[in-house]
C-alpha atoms as a PDB file:
ATOM      1  CA  UNK A   1      -0.049  -0.022   0.004  1.00  0.00           C
ATOM      2  CA  UNK A   2       1.088   3.605  -0.564  1.00  0.00           C
ATOM      3  CA  UNK A   3      -0.151   6.674   1.350  1.00  0.00           C
ATOM      4  CA  UNK A   4      -3.615   6.132  -0.125  1.00  0.00           C
ATOM      5  CA  UNK A   5      -6.022   3.681   1.458  1.00  0.00           C
ATOM      6  CA  UNK A   6      -6.172   1.732  -1.743  1.00  0.00           C
ATOM      7  CA  UNK A   7      -3.615   0.072  -4.047  1.00  0.00           C
ATOM      8  CA  UNK A   8      -2.910   2.852  -6.451  1.00  0.00           C
ATOM      9  CA  UNK A   9      -1.770   1.752  -9.941  1.00  0.00           C
ATOM     10  CA  UNK A  10       0.312   4.917 -10.591  1.00  0.00           C
ATOM     11  CA  UNK A  11       2.429   4.144  -7.545  1.00  0.00           C
ATOM     12  CA  UNK A  12       3.170   0.722  -8.932  1.00  0.00           C
ATOM     13  CA  UNK A  13       4.331   2.187 -12.186  1.00  0.00           C
ATOM     14  CA  UNK A  14       6.718   4.525 -10.350  1.00  0.00           C
ATOM     15  CA  UNK A  15       8.056   1.553  -8.341  1.00  0.00           C
ATOM     16  CA  UNK A  16       8.638  -0.581 -11.409  1.00  0.00           C
ATOM     17  CA  UNK A  17      10.084   2.020 -13.739  1.00  0.00           C
ATOM     18  CA  UNK A  18      11.536   4.499 -11.298  1.00  0.00           C
ATOM     19  CA  UNK A  19       9.876   7.554 -12.809  1.00  0.00           C
ATOM     20  CA  UNK A  20       6.492   8.980 -13.840  1.00  0.00           C
ATOM     21  CA  UNK A  21       4.757   6.781 -16.367  1.00  0.00           C
ATOM     22  CA  UNK A  22       1.650   7.783 -18.244  1.00  0.00           C
ATOM     23  CA  UNK A  23      -0.777   5.999 -20.601  1.00  0.00           C
ATOM     24  CA  UNK A  24      -1.216   7.428 -24.038  1.00  0.00           C
ATOM     25  CA  UNK A  25      -4.531   6.473 -25.694  1.00  0.00           C
ATOM     26  CA  UNK A  26      -4.322   5.267 -29.281  1.00  0.00           C
ATOM     27  CA  UNK A  27      -7.130   4.794 -31.830  1.00  0.00           C
ATOM     28  CA  UNK A  28      -5.956   2.148 -34.157  1.00  0.00           C
ATOM     29  CA  UNK A  29      -9.038   2.138 -36.419  1.00  0.00           C
ATOM     30  CA  UNK A  30     -10.830  -0.859 -34.827  1.00  0.00           C
ATOM     31  CA  UNK A  31     -14.591  -1.419 -34.720  1.00  0.00           C
ATOM     32  CA  UNK A  32     -16.707  -3.612 -32.485  1.00  0.00           C
ATOM     33  CA  UNK A  33     -18.949  -6.686 -32.981  1.00  0.00           C
ATOM     34  CA  UNK A  34     -21.586  -4.760 -31.082  1.00  0.00           C
ATOM     35  CA  UNK A  35     -21.437  -2.115 -33.913  1.00  0.00           C
ATOM     36  CA  UNK A  36     -20.686  -3.866 -37.117  1.00  0.00           C
ATOM     37  CA  UNK A  37     -23.682  -6.272 -36.997  1.00  0.00           C
ATOM     38  CA  UNK A  38     -21.782  -9.395 -35.954  1.00  0.00           C
ATOM     39  CA  UNK A  39     -23.447  -9.171 -32.555  1.00  0.00           C
ATOM     40  CA  UNK A  40     -25.574  -5.935 -32.811  1.00  0.00           C
ATOM     41  CA  UNK A  41     -25.486  -2.377 -34.166  1.00  0.00           C
ATOM     42  CA  UNK A  42     -25.352   0.831 -32.320  1.00  0.00           C
ATOM     43  CA  UNK A  43     -23.049  -0.304 -29.543  1.00  0.00           C
ATOM     44  CA  UNK A  44     -23.625  -0.078 -25.740  1.00  0.00           C
ATOM     45  CA  UNK A  45     -26.058   2.645 -24.546  1.00  0.00           C
ATOM     46  CA  UNK A  46     -23.133   4.695 -23.056  1.00  0.00           C
ATOM     47  CA  UNK A  47     -20.877   4.596 -26.072  1.00  0.00           C
ATOM     48  CA  UNK A  48     -20.939   7.113 -28.952  1.00  0.00           C
ATOM     49  CA  UNK A  49     -19.823   6.741 -32.476  1.00  0.00           C
ATOM     50  CA  UNK A  50     -16.368   7.874 -31.319  1.00  0.00           C
ATOM     51  CA  UNK A  51     -16.076   5.064 -28.790  1.00  0.00           C
ATOM     52  CA  UNK A  52     -16.333   5.124 -25.054  1.00  0.00           C
ATOM     53  CA  UNK A  53     -13.947   7.376 -23.002  1.00  0.00           C
ATOM     54  CA  UNK A  54     -11.789   8.236 -26.080  1.00  0.00           C
ATOM     55  CA  UNK A  55     -11.749  11.946 -26.241  1.00  0.00           C
ATOM     56  CA  UNK A  56      -8.377  13.691 -26.828  1.00  0.00           C
ATOM     57  CA  UNK A  57      -7.087  11.143 -29.300  1.00  0.00           C
ATOM     58  CA  UNK A  58      -5.314  12.364 -32.504  1.00  0.00           C
ATOM     59  CA  UNK A  59      -7.521  10.270 -34.826  1.00  0.00           C
ATOM     60  CA  UNK A  60      -6.409   9.815 -38.421  1.00  0.00           C
ATOM     61  CA  UNK A  61      -2.690   9.674 -37.541  1.00  0.00           C
ATOM     62  CA  UNK A  62      -0.646   6.468 -37.515  1.00  0.00           C
ATOM     63  CA  UNK A  63      -0.094   4.738 -34.188  1.00  0.00           C
ATOM     64  CA  UNK A  64       3.484   5.989 -33.970  1.00  0.00           C
ATOM     65  CA  UNK A  65       2.366   9.546 -34.658  1.00  0.00           C
ATOM     66  CA  UNK A  66      -0.457   9.429 -32.069  1.00  0.00           C
ATOM     67  CA  UNK A  67       2.098   8.255 -29.531  1.00  0.00           C
ATOM     68  CA  UNK A  68       4.596  10.893 -30.320  1.00  0.00           C
ATOM     69  CA  UNK A  69       1.980  13.597 -30.061  1.00  0.00           C
ATOM     70  CA  UNK A  70       0.727  12.129 -26.800  1.00  0.00           C
ATOM     71  CA  UNK A  71       4.296  12.071 -25.435  1.00  0.00           C
ATOM     72  CA  UNK A  72       4.661  15.774 -26.063  1.00  0.00           C
ATOM     73  CA  UNK A  73       1.483  16.506 -24.023  1.00  0.00           C
ATOM     74  CA  UNK A  74       2.446  14.141 -21.188  1.00  0.00           C
ATOM     75  CA  UNK A  75       5.939  15.528 -20.824  1.00  0.00           C
ATOM     76  CA  UNK A  76       4.644  19.131 -20.855  1.00  0.00           C
ATOM     77  CA  UNK A  77       1.767  18.530 -18.412  1.00  0.00           C
ATOM     78  CA  UNK A  78       3.108  15.840 -16.085  1.00  0.00           C
ATOM     79  CA  UNK A  79       6.837  15.699 -16.603  1.00  0.00           C
ATOM     80  CA  UNK A  80       6.444  11.994 -17.577  1.00  0.00           C
ATOM     81  CA  UNK A  81       9.486  10.088 -18.796  1.00  0.00           C
ATOM     82  CA  UNK A  82       8.165   6.716 -19.818  1.00  0.00           C
ATOM     83  CA  UNK A  83       4.858   5.724 -21.477  1.00  0.00           C
ATOM     84  CA  UNK A  84       2.338   2.967 -21.987  1.00  0.00           C
ATOM     85  CA  UNK A  85       0.666   2.640 -25.354  1.00  0.00           C
ATOM     86  CA  UNK A  86      -3.113   2.267 -24.539  1.00  0.00           C
ATOM     87  CA  UNK A  87      -5.188   0.784 -27.365  1.00  0.00           C
ATOM     88  CA  UNK A  88      -8.517   2.193 -26.058  1.00  0.00           C
ATOM     89  CA  UNK A  89     -11.508   2.867 -28.368  1.00  0.00           C
ATOM     90  CA  UNK A  90     -13.622  -0.008 -29.476  1.00  0.00           C
ATOM     91  CA  UNK A  91     -12.445  -3.628 -29.384  1.00  0.00           C
ATOM     92  CA  UNK A  92      -8.695  -3.678 -29.877  1.00  0.00           C
ATOM     93  CA  UNK A  93      -8.364  -7.492 -30.443  1.00  0.00           C
ATOM     94  CA  UNK A  94     -11.135  -7.533 -33.149  1.00  0.00           C
ATOM     95  CA  UNK A  95      -8.897  -8.035 -36.183  1.00  0.00           C
ATOM     96  CA  UNK A  96      -6.711 -10.759 -37.801  1.00  0.00           C
ATOM     97  CA  UNK A  97      -3.610 -11.719 -35.780  1.00  0.00           C
ATOM     98  CA  UNK A  98      -1.183 -10.320 -38.408  1.00  0.00           C
ATOM     99  CA  UNK A  99      -2.984  -6.909 -38.196  1.00  0.00           C
ATOM    100  CA  UNK A 100      -2.824  -6.905 -34.429  1.00  0.00           C
ATOM    101  CA  UNK A 101       0.843  -7.800 -34.354  1.00  0.00           C
ATOM    102  CA  UNK A 102       1.689  -5.078 -36.855  1.00  0.00           C
ATOM    103  CA  UNK A 103      -0.179  -2.413 -34.797  1.00  0.00           C
ATOM    104  CA  UNK A 104       1.179  -3.537 -31.467  1.00  0.00           C
ATOM    105  CA  UNK A 105       4.770  -3.729 -32.771  1.00  0.00           C
ATOM    106  CA  UNK A 106       4.464  -0.267 -34.236  1.00  0.00           C
ATOM    107  CA  UNK A 107       3.599   1.049 -30.760  1.00  0.00           C
ATOM    108  CA  UNK A 108       6.507  -0.777 -29.043  1.00  0.00           C
ATOM    109  CA  UNK A 109       8.937   0.605 -31.624  1.00  0.00           C
ATOM    110  CA  UNK A 110       8.341   4.217 -30.414  1.00  0.00           C
ATOM    111  CA  UNK A 111      11.074   5.465 -28.038  1.00  0.00           C
ATOM    112  CA  UNK A 112      10.191   5.392 -24.271  1.00  0.00           C
ATOM    113  CA  UNK A 113       7.152   3.173 -24.770  1.00  0.00           C
ATOM    114  CA  UNK A 114       7.670   0.626 -22.068  1.00  0.00           C
ATOM    115  CA  UNK A 115       4.576  -1.457 -22.370  1.00  0.00           C
ATOM    116  CA  UNK A 116       1.191  -2.084 -23.857  1.00  0.00           C
ATOM    117  CA  UNK A 117      -2.433  -1.944 -22.560  1.00  0.00           C
ATOM    118  CA  UNK A 118      -5.095  -3.360 -24.814  1.00  0.00           C
ATOM    119  CA  UNK A 119      -8.791  -2.928 -24.196  1.00  0.00           C
ATOM    120  CA  UNK A 120     -11.352  -5.251 -25.676  1.00  0.00           C
ATOM    121  CA  UNK A 121     -14.543  -7.279 -25.140  1.00  0.00           C
ATOM    122  CA  UNK A 122     -14.728 -10.809 -23.692  1.00  0.00           C
ATOM    123  CA  UNK A 123     -16.206 -12.077 -26.972  1.00  0.00           C
ATOM    124  CA  UNK A 124     -13.180 -10.922 -28.993  1.00  0.00           C
ATOM    125  CA  UNK A 125     -10.560 -13.307 -27.713  1.00  0.00           C
ATOM    126  CA  UNK A 126     -10.372 -16.377 -29.964  1.00  0.00           C
ATOM    127  CA  UNK A 127      -7.505 -18.910 -29.229  1.00  0.00           C
ATOM    128  CA  UNK A 128      -5.103 -17.426 -31.859  1.00  0.00           C
ATOM    129  CA  UNK A 129      -5.518 -13.960 -30.383  1.00  0.00           C
ATOM    130  CA  UNK A 130      -4.944 -15.191 -26.876  1.00  0.00           C
ATOM    131  CA  UNK A 131      -1.805 -16.879 -28.092  1.00  0.00           C
ATOM    132  CA  UNK A 132      -0.648 -13.576 -29.571  1.00  0.00           C
ATOM    133  CA  UNK A 133      -1.471 -11.692 -26.331  1.00  0.00           C
ATOM    134  CA  UNK A 134       0.455 -14.338 -24.306  1.00  0.00           C
ATOM    135  CA  UNK A 135       3.498 -13.628 -26.471  1.00  0.00           C
ATOM    136  CA  UNK A 136       3.390  -9.861 -25.735  1.00  0.00           C
ATOM    137  CA  UNK A 137       2.999 -10.713 -22.040  1.00  0.00           C
ATOM    138  CA  UNK A 138       6.325 -12.468 -22.248  1.00  0.00           C
ATOM    139  CA  UNK A 139       7.956  -9.766 -24.373  1.00  0.00           C
ATOM    140  CA  UNK A 140       6.904  -6.549 -22.611  1.00  0.00           C
ATOM    141  CA  UNK A 141       4.937  -5.104 -19.696  1.00  0.00           C
ATOM    142  CA  UNK A 142       1.423  -6.071 -20.940  1.00  0.00           C
ATOM    143  CA  UNK A 143      -2.060  -5.614 -19.592  1.00  0.00           C
ATOM    144  CA  UNK A 144      -5.398  -6.665 -21.086  1.00  0.00           C
ATOM    145  CA  UNK A 145      -8.475  -4.760 -20.167  1.00  0.00           C
ATOM    146  CA  UNK A 146     -11.842  -6.398 -20.343  1.00  0.00           C
ATOM    147  CA  UNK A 147     -15.203  -4.697 -20.023  1.00  0.00           C
ATOM    148  CA  UNK A 148     -17.590  -6.357 -17.607  1.00  0.00           C
ATOM    149  CA  UNK A 149     -19.591  -3.254 -16.468  1.00  0.00           C
ATOM    150  CA  UNK A 150     -22.030  -5.430 -14.468  1.00  0.00           C
ATOM    151  CA  UNK A 151     -22.292  -8.985 -13.237  1.00  0.00           C
ATOM    152  CA  UNK A 152     -26.097  -8.932 -13.653  1.00  0.00           C
ATOM    153  CA  UNK A 153     -27.333 -10.414 -16.958  1.00  0.00           C
ATOM    154  CA  UNK A 154     -30.480  -8.392 -16.757  1.00  0.00           C
ATOM    155  CA  UNK A 155     -28.425  -5.214 -16.726  1.00  0.00           C
ATOM    156  CA  UNK A 156     -26.022  -6.386 -19.504  1.00  0.00           C
ATOM    157  CA  UNK A 157     -29.016  -6.961 -21.740  1.00  0.00           C
ATOM    158  CA  UNK A 158     -30.576  -3.593 -20.900  1.00  0.00           C
ATOM    159  CA  UNK A 159     -27.472  -1.572 -21.674  1.00  0.00           C
ATOM    160  CA  UNK A 160     -26.934  -3.496 -24.952  1.00  0.00           C
ATOM    161  CA  UNK A 161     -23.626  -5.186 -24.113  1.00  0.00           C
ATOM    162  CA  UNK A 162     -24.236  -8.143 -26.455  1.00  0.00           C
ATOM    163  CA  UNK A 163     -22.769 -10.663 -24.124  1.00  0.00           C
ATOM    164  CA  UNK A 164     -23.685 -12.299 -20.781  1.00  0.00           C
ATOM    165  CA  UNK A 165     -21.781 -12.829 -17.553  1.00  0.00           C
ATOM    166  CA  UNK A 166     -20.931 -16.483 -18.517  1.00  0.00           C
ATOM    167  CA  UNK A 167     -19.027 -15.146 -21.652  1.00  0.00           C
ATOM    168  CA  UNK A 168     -17.046 -12.721 -19.548  1.00  0.00           C
ATOM    169  CA  UNK A 169     -16.200 -15.364 -16.961  1.00  0.00           C
ATOM    170  CA  UNK A 170     -14.967 -17.826 -19.602  1.00  0.00           C
ATOM    171  CA  UNK A 171     -12.783 -15.206 -21.188  1.00  0.00           C
ATOM    172  CA  UNK A 172     -11.329 -13.914 -17.931  1.00  0.00           C
ATOM    173  CA  UNK A 173     -10.486 -17.442 -16.810  1.00  0.00           C
ATOM    174  CA  UNK A 174      -8.660 -18.216 -20.052  1.00  0.00           C
ATOM    175  CA  UNK A 175      -6.722 -14.955 -19.740  1.00  0.00           C
ATOM    176  CA  UNK A 176      -5.630 -15.760 -16.096  1.00  0.00           C
ATOM    177  CA  UNK A 177      -4.717 -19.293 -17.056  1.00  0.00           C
ATOM    178  CA  UNK A 178      -2.181 -17.821 -19.432  1.00  0.00           C
ATOM    179  CA  UNK A 179      -0.758 -15.565 -16.667  1.00  0.00           C
ATOM    180  CA  UNK A 180      -1.701 -12.342 -18.502  1.00  0.00           C
ATOM    181  CA  UNK A 181      -2.278  -9.330 -16.332  1.00  0.00           C
ATOM    182  CA  UNK A 182      -6.040  -8.518 -16.299  1.00  0.00           C
ATOM    183  CA  UNK A 183      -7.885  -5.294 -15.518  1.00  0.00           C
ATOM    184  CA  UNK A 184     -11.638  -5.327 -15.386  1.00  0.00           C
ATOM    185  CA  UNK A 185     -13.963  -2.355 -16.102  1.00  0.00           C
ATOM    186  CA  UNK A 186     -17.036  -1.958 -13.798  1.00  0.00           C
ATOM    187  CA  UNK A 187     -19.747   0.789 -13.895  1.00  0.00           C
ATOM    188  CA  UNK A 188     -21.504   1.802 -10.654  1.00  0.00           C
ATOM    189  CA  UNK A 189     -25.010   3.292 -10.889  1.00  0.00           C
ATOM    190  CA  UNK A 190     -26.341   1.387 -13.884  1.00  0.00           C
ATOM    191  CA  UNK A 191     -30.139   1.691 -14.082  1.00  0.00           C
ATOM    192  CA  UNK A 192     -32.213  -0.900 -12.183  1.00  0.00           C
ATOM    193  CA  UNK A 193     -29.371  -2.306 -10.138  1.00  0.00           C
ATOM    194  CA  UNK A 194     -29.592  -2.570  -6.331  1.00  0.00           C
ATOM    195  CA  UNK A 195     -26.761  -1.731  -4.010  1.00  0.00           C
ATOM    196  CA  UNK A 196     -26.441  -5.498  -3.179  1.00  0.00           C
ATOM    197  CA  UNK A 197     -26.013  -6.377  -6.918  1.00  0.00           C
ATOM    198  CA  UNK A 198     -23.374  -3.728  -7.443  1.00  0.00           C
ATOM    199  CA  UNK A 199     -21.510  -4.919  -4.339  1.00  0.00           C
ATOM    200  CA  UNK A 200     -21.516  -8.559  -5.540  1.00  0.00           C
ATOM    201  CA  UNK A 201     -18.842  -7.560  -8.115  1.00  0.00           C
ATOM    202  CA  UNK A 202     -15.815  -7.333  -5.735  1.00  0.00           C
ATOM    203  CA  UNK A 203     -16.307 -10.967  -4.685  1.00  0.00           C
ATOM    204  CA  UNK A 204     -16.490 -12.049  -8.247  1.00  0.00           C
ATOM    205  CA  UNK A 205     -13.286 -10.199  -9.115  1.00  0.00           C
ATOM    206  CA  UNK A 206     -11.534 -11.564  -6.023  1.00  0.00           C
ATOM    207  CA  UNK A 207     -12.441 -15.108  -6.987  1.00  0.00           C
ATOM    208  CA  UNK A 208     -11.210 -14.655 -10.608  1.00  0.00           C
ATOM    209  CA  UNK A 209      -7.832 -13.407  -9.416  1.00  0.00           C
ATOM    210  CA  UNK A 210      -7.846 -10.261 -11.457  1.00  0.00           C
ATOM    211  CA  UNK A 211      -4.916  -7.905 -11.263  1.00  0.00           C
ATOM    212  CA  UNK A 212      -6.635  -4.555 -11.684  1.00  0.00           C
ATOM    213  CA  UNK A 213      -9.945  -2.784 -11.720  1.00  0.00           C
ATOM    214  CA  UNK A 214     -11.294   0.357 -13.181  1.00  0.00           C
ATOM    215  CA  UNK A 215     -14.419   1.680 -11.382  1.00  0.00           C
ATOM    216  CA  UNK A 216     -16.513   3.987 -13.572  1.00  0.00           C
ATOM    217  CA  UNK A 217     -19.311   6.345 -12.625  1.00  0.00           C
ATOM    218  CA  UNK A 218     -22.378   6.036 -14.859  1.00  0.00           C
ATOM    219  CA  UNK A 219     -22.118   9.314 -16.694  1.00  0.00           C
ATOM    220  CA  UNK A 220     -24.017  10.519 -19.752  1.00  0.00           C
ATOM    221  CA  UNK A 221     -22.168  11.754 -22.838  1.00  0.00           C
ATOM    222  CA  UNK A 222     -23.753  13.421 -25.801  1.00  0.00           C
ATOM    223  CA  UNK A 223     -24.637  11.461 -28.944  1.00  0.00           C
ATOM    224  CA  UNK A 224     -25.350   8.281 -26.958  1.00  0.00           C
ATOM    225  CA  UNK A 225     -28.456   6.302 -26.394  1.00  0.00           C
ATOM    226  CA  UNK A 226     -28.004   7.006 -22.720  1.00  0.00           C
ATOM    227  CA  UNK A 227     -28.299  10.677 -23.415  1.00  0.00           C
ATOM    228  CA  UNK A 228     -31.683  10.133 -25.140  1.00  0.00           C
ATOM    229  CA  UNK A 229     -32.857   8.283 -22.000  1.00  0.00           C
ATOM    230  CA  UNK A 230     -31.701  11.074 -19.772  1.00  0.00           C
ATOM    231  CA  UNK A 231     -33.270  13.851 -21.859  1.00  0.00           C
ATOM    232  CA  UNK A 232     -36.639  11.961 -21.612  1.00  0.00           C
ATOM    233  CA  UNK A 233     -36.292  11.809 -17.866  1.00  0.00           C
ATOM    234  CA  UNK A 234     -35.981   8.001 -17.902  1.00  0.00           C
ATOM    235  CA  UNK A 235     -32.563   7.870 -16.163  1.00  0.00           C
ATOM    236  CA  UNK A 236     -31.777   8.482 -12.498  1.00  0.00           C
ATOM    237  CA  UNK A 237     -28.138   9.241 -11.801  1.00  0.00           C
ATOM    238  CA  UNK A 238     -26.507   9.040  -8.288  1.00  0.00           C
ATOM    239  CA  UNK A 239     -25.547  12.131  -6.358  1.00  0.00           C
ATOM    240  CA  UNK A 240     -21.882  12.632  -5.496  1.00  0.00           C
ATOM    241  CA  UNK A 241     -22.273  11.539  -1.887  1.00  0.00           C
ATOM    242  CA  UNK A 242     -24.087   8.354  -2.870  1.00  0.00           C
ATOM    243  CA  UNK A 243     -21.413   7.484  -5.489  1.00  0.00           C
ATOM    244  CA  UNK A 244     -18.501   8.199  -3.095  1.00  0.00           C
ATOM    245  CA  UNK A 245     -20.092   5.928  -0.457  1.00  0.00           C
ATOM    246  CA  UNK A 246     -20.642   3.187  -3.019  1.00  0.00           C
ATOM    247  CA  UNK A 247     -17.011   3.313  -4.189  1.00  0.00           C
ATOM    248  CA  UNK A 248     -15.791   3.048  -0.588  1.00  0.00           C
ATOM    249  CA  UNK A 249     -18.119   0.068   0.032  1.00  0.00           C
ATOM    250  CA  UNK A 250     -16.741  -1.502  -3.157  1.00  0.00           C
ATOM    251  CA  UNK A 251     -13.072  -0.965  -2.157  1.00  0.00           C
ATOM    252  CA  UNK A 252     -13.587  -2.427   1.291  1.00  0.00           C
ATOM    253  CA  UNK A 253     -14.762  -5.642  -0.290  1.00  0.00           C
ATOM    254  CA  UNK A 254     -11.892  -5.954  -2.859  1.00  0.00           C
ATOM    255  CA  UNK A 255      -8.644  -7.842  -2.244  1.00  0.00           C
ATOM    256  CA  UNK A 256      -5.942  -5.355  -1.170  1.00  0.00           C
ATOM    257  CA  UNK A 257      -3.348  -6.546  -3.808  1.00  0.00           C
ATOM    258  CA  UNK A 258      -5.676  -5.681  -6.711  1.00  0.00           C
ATOM    259  CA  UNK A 259      -4.483  -2.467  -8.380  1.00  0.00           C
ATOM    260  CA  UNK A 260      -6.993   0.459  -8.634  1.00  0.00           C
ATOM    261  CA  UNK A 261      -6.617   2.048 -11.997  1.00  0.00           C
ATOM    262  CA  UNK A 262      -9.603   4.287 -11.904  1.00  0.00           C
ATOM    263  CA  UNK A 263     -12.173   5.414  -9.279  1.00  0.00           C
ATOM    264  CA  UNK A 264     -14.480   7.639 -11.293  1.00  0.00           C
ATOM    265  CA  UNK A 265     -14.845   9.216 -14.782  1.00  0.00           C
ATOM    266  CA  UNK A 266     -15.469  12.762 -15.930  1.00  0.00           C
ATOM    267  CA  UNK A 267     -16.905  12.361 -19.472  1.00  0.00           C
ATOM    268  CA  UNK A 268     -14.644  15.037 -20.950  1.00  0.00           C
ATOM    269  CA  UNK A 269     -16.006  17.634 -23.295  1.00  0.00           C
ATOM    270  CA  UNK A 270     -18.898  15.389 -24.223  1.00  0.00           C
ATOM    271  CA  UNK A 271     -20.354  15.220 -20.667  1.00  0.00           C
ATOM    272  CA  UNK A 272     -24.082  15.809 -20.304  1.00  0.00           C
ATOM    273  CA  UNK A 273     -24.593  14.637 -16.734  1.00  0.00           C
ATOM    274  CA  UNK A 274     -23.961  14.429 -13.822  1.00  0.00           C
ATOM    275  CA  UNK A 275     -22.166  17.823 -13.826  1.00  0.00           C
ATOM    276  CA  UNK A 276     -20.579  17.123 -10.514  1.00  0.00           C
ATOM    277  CA  UNK A 277     -18.400  14.450 -12.080  1.00  0.00           C
ATOM    278  CA  UNK A 278     -16.496  17.092 -14.126  1.00  0.00           C
ATOM    279  CA  UNK A 279     -14.678  18.054 -10.901  1.00  0.00           C
ATOM    280  CA  UNK A 280     -12.811  14.752 -10.937  1.00  0.00           C
ATOM    281  CA  UNK A 281     -10.235  15.608  -8.328  1.00  0.00           C
ATOM    282  CA  UNK A 282     -12.940  16.761  -5.907  1.00  0.00           C
ATOM    283  CA  UNK A 283     -14.557  13.359  -6.281  1.00  0.00           C
ATOM    284  CA  UNK A 284     -11.275  11.513  -5.637  1.00  0.00           C
ATOM    285  CA  UNK A 285     -10.533  13.723  -2.611  1.00  0.00           C
ATOM    286  CA  UNK A 286     -14.045  12.939  -1.273  1.00  0.00           C
ATOM    287  CA  UNK A 287     -13.355   9.155  -1.657  1.00  0.00           C
ATOM    288  CA  UNK A 288     -10.106   9.625   0.277  1.00  0.00           C
ATOM    289  CA  UNK A 289     -11.856  11.579   2.962  1.00  0.00           C
ATOM    290  CA  UNK A 290     -14.626   9.053   3.338  1.00  0.00           C
ATOM    291  CA  UNK A 291     -12.199   6.197   3.735  1.00  0.00           C
ATOM    292  CA  UNK A 292     -10.322   8.074   6.364  1.00  0.00           C
ATOM    293  CA  UNK A 293     -13.556   9.020   8.170  1.00  0.00           C
ATOM    294  CA  UNK A 294     -14.539   5.334   8.203  1.00  0.00           C
ATOM    295  CA  UNK A 295     -11.052   4.232   9.311  1.00  0.00           C
ATOM    296  CA  UNK A 296     -11.095   1.722   6.533  1.00  0.00           C
ATOM    297  CA  UNK A 297      -9.251   0.784   3.336  1.00  0.00           C
ATOM    298  CA  UNK A 298      -9.169  -1.560   0.411  1.00  0.00           C
ATOM    299  CA  UNK A 299      -9.934  -5.121   1.602  1.00  0.00           C
ATOM    300  CA  UNK A 300     -10.953  -4.123   5.197  1.00  0.00           C
ATOM    301  CA  UNK A 301     -14.255  -5.971   4.977  1.00  0.00           C
ATOM    302  CA  UNK A 302     -12.833  -9.277   3.685  1.00  0.00           C
END
């Protein structure tokens, strides 16, 4: 543990590499089976045509050019010295192996890129792709990110995920059998879910032996189906205090060795609601303060 009451991923990067390390998001031109008709069209309810959480990316440039531009920003803003190439928008294993290898190798060839992070869906990991990812796990500092969002099949159907919990569990188990570092995305505050259902997720992640988790606030971005629901008054979003309490409850039930890569989201320039989430550091400070008030920390309820 660091001076936080949870296992902060950024501190692990400093420990491993001896300096500030930042992720640089890359759009490599992928699509998604939930968009191209293989599974569905239109994507998840929270995802726009630009992908989820992908603002600020220099689209249209090569992988190498995007990384070089990103490096300039990270050095100027954060004095970063090393970088991770983060293949973020859409499903970044949804292509032939030769295409994936070419893109990943292009990223690793950029100076000061010390590892890869690849985000994808659990239904985009056929055996040949898993074999390729296992090779990168041996070659570099590699993380795979899988979107779960919710362990409740009813919710997964309502948000248009296009897969069920069983599909996620099968993929996650195959990934861990290969020893690949796995980070799982979870959204708190999805419509229709009870507190008990949301807090069943940490136990599931503990049992799977995941290495990291990203906890997201359900926020509404423009040009999404979620935005249409919100504008019609059909979506209730949590207040800040409710969300902060829920995150702390979640952390208390999570194994302390799991790295926390995210505790909230701000939606960027596309944010519609909740507006309080735009003050990201205030939310993070409130989470710190609530854990301190409780005298608790990650894993304290295990």
